[in-house]
């Protein structure tokens, strides 16, 4: 298994800005991970920490996941 280039390295403000731009461009977690040299889990985790929603690879027409009224976020 190939290890990530940035394994163990903390996220910087530039990394966060790059992640936000890639999410805005509707790239999937897999594409983002390959582009920035991190794992998909790292990308998903950081997006969650920043309060960002990744585009769904199975439902690309949806802009953001819907939240139920019982579980607002």
C-alpha atoms as a PDB file:
ATOM      1  CA  UNK A   1       0.000   0.000   0.000  1.00  0.00           C
ATOM      2  CA  UNK A   2       1.348   3.388  -1.005  1.00  0.00           C
ATOM      3  CA  UNK A   3       1.633   5.958   1.789  1.00  0.00           C
ATOM      4  CA  UNK A   4       0.391   9.503   1.490  1.00  0.00           C
ATOM      5  CA  UNK A   5       2.955  12.215   0.807  1.00  0.00           C
ATOM      6  CA  UNK A   6       1.576  14.421   3.573  1.00  0.00           C
ATOM      7  CA  UNK A   7       1.034  11.667   6.130  1.00  0.00           C
ATOM      8  CA  UNK A   8       1.141  13.089   9.638  1.00  0.00           C
ATOM      9  CA  UNK A   9       1.662  16.657   8.483  1.00  0.00           C
ATOM     10  CA  UNK A  10      -0.778  19.182  10.018  1.00  0.00           C
ATOM     11  CA  UNK A  11      -3.215  21.042   7.787  1.00  0.00           C
ATOM     12  CA  UNK A  12      -2.186  24.626   7.019  1.00  0.00           C
ATOM     13  CA  UNK A  13      -4.346  27.596   6.050  1.00  0.00           C
ATOM     14  CA  UNK A  14      -3.182  27.137   2.441  1.00  0.00           C
ATOM     15  CA  UNK A  15      -4.204  23.458   2.559  1.00  0.00           C
ATOM     16  CA  UNK A  16      -7.630  24.471   3.875  1.00  0.00           C
ATOM     17  CA  UNK A  17      -8.035  27.071   1.121  1.00  0.00           C
ATOM     18  CA  UNK A  18      -7.046  24.477  -1.500  1.00  0.00           C
ATOM     19  CA  UNK A  19      -9.561  22.013  -0.034  1.00  0.00           C
ATOM     20  CA  UNK A  20     -12.326  24.635  -0.084  1.00  0.00           C
ATOM     21  CA  UNK A  21     -11.559  25.468  -3.715  1.00  0.00           C
ATOM     22  CA  UNK A  22     -11.605  21.830  -4.774  1.00  0.00           C
ATOM     23  CA  UNK A  23     -14.900  21.230  -2.981  1.00  0.00           C
ATOM     24  CA  UNK A  24     -16.363  24.346  -4.628  1.00  0.00           C
ATOM     25  CA  UNK A  25     -15.233  22.890  -7.968  1.00  0.00           C
ATOM     26  CA  UNK A  26     -17.287  19.773  -7.058  1.00  0.00           C
ATOM     27  CA  UNK A  27     -14.347  17.345  -7.034  1.00  0.00           C
ATOM     28  CA  UNK A  28     -14.911  14.026  -5.283  1.00  0.00           C
ATOM     29  CA  UNK A  29     -12.981  12.980  -2.177  1.00  0.00           C
ATOM     30  CA  UNK A  30     -10.910  10.541  -4.258  1.00  0.00           C
ATOM     31  CA  UNK A  31      -9.857  13.208  -6.760  1.00  0.00           C
ATOM     32  CA  UNK A  32      -9.074  15.705  -4.004  1.00  0.00           C
ATOM     33  CA  UNK A  33      -7.036  13.128  -2.078  1.00  0.00           C
ATOM     34  CA  UNK A  34      -4.912  12.272  -5.124  1.00  0.00           C
ATOM     35  CA  UNK A  35      -4.441  15.967  -5.940  1.00  0.00           C
ATOM     36  CA  UNK A  36      -3.234  17.039  -2.514  1.00  0.00           C
ATOM     37  CA  UNK A  37      -1.407  13.867  -1.477  1.00  0.00           C
ATOM     38  CA  UNK A  38      -3.617  12.865   1.443  1.00  0.00           C
ATOM     39  CA  UNK A  39      -5.947   9.957   2.086  1.00  0.00           C
ATOM     40  CA  UNK A  40      -9.670  10.090   1.378  1.00  0.00           C
ATOM     41  CA  UNK A  41     -10.326   9.689   5.098  1.00  0.00           C
ATOM     42  CA  UNK A  42      -8.099  12.695   5.824  1.00  0.00           C
ATOM     43  CA  UNK A  43      -9.970  14.765   3.232  1.00  0.00           C
ATOM     44  CA  UNK A  44     -13.368  13.718   4.593  1.00  0.00           C
ATOM     45  CA  UNK A  45     -12.271  14.379   8.166  1.00  0.00           C
ATOM     46  CA  UNK A  46     -10.872  17.814   7.434  1.00  0.00           C
ATOM     47  CA  UNK A  47     -13.945  18.784   5.408  1.00  0.00           C
ATOM     48  CA  UNK A  48     -16.100  17.760   8.352  1.00  0.00           C
ATOM     49  CA  UNK A  49     -13.935  19.741  10.780  1.00  0.00           C
ATOM     50  CA  UNK A  50     -14.305  22.820   8.567  1.00  0.00           C
ATOM     51  CA  UNK A  51     -18.065  22.261   8.227  1.00  0.00           C
ATOM     52  CA  UNK A  52     -17.857  21.578   4.493  1.00  0.00           C
ATOM     53  CA  UNK A  53     -19.936  19.038   2.588  1.00  0.00           C
ATOM     54  CA  UNK A  54     -18.221  16.971  -0.066  1.00  0.00           C
ATOM     55  CA  UNK A  55     -20.126  16.336  -3.289  1.00  0.00           C
ATOM     56  CA  UNK A  56     -21.755  12.937  -3.507  1.00  0.00           C
ATOM     57  CA  UNK A  57     -20.181  10.674  -6.152  1.00  0.00           C
ATOM     58  CA  UNK A  58     -23.439   8.712  -6.403  1.00  0.00           C
ATOM     59  CA  UNK A  59     -25.715  11.755  -6.617  1.00  0.00           C
ATOM     60  CA  UNK A  60     -23.739  14.459  -8.449  1.00  0.00           C
ATOM     61  CA  UNK A  61     -26.860  16.524  -9.141  1.00  0.00           C
ATOM     62  CA  UNK A  62     -27.326  17.277  -5.433  1.00  0.00           C
ATOM     63  CA  UNK A  63     -25.623  20.427  -4.260  1.00  0.00           C
ATOM     64  CA  UNK A  64     -25.541  19.608  -0.536  1.00  0.00           C
ATOM     65  CA  UNK A  65     -26.827  16.765   1.574  1.00  0.00           C
ATOM     66  CA  UNK A  66     -30.217  17.502   3.077  1.00  0.00           C
ATOM     67  CA  UNK A  67     -30.560  17.664   6.837  1.00  0.00           C
ATOM     68  CA  UNK A  68     -33.710  16.383   8.465  1.00  0.00           C
ATOM     69  CA  UNK A  69     -35.593  18.836  10.710  1.00  0.00           C
ATOM     70  CA  UNK A  70     -35.067  16.483  13.642  1.00  0.00           C
ATOM     71  CA  UNK A  71     -31.291  16.667  13.211  1.00  0.00           C
ATOM     72  CA  UNK A  72     -30.386  20.234  12.113  1.00  0.00           C
ATOM     73  CA  UNK A  73     -26.733  21.035  11.791  1.00  0.00           C
END
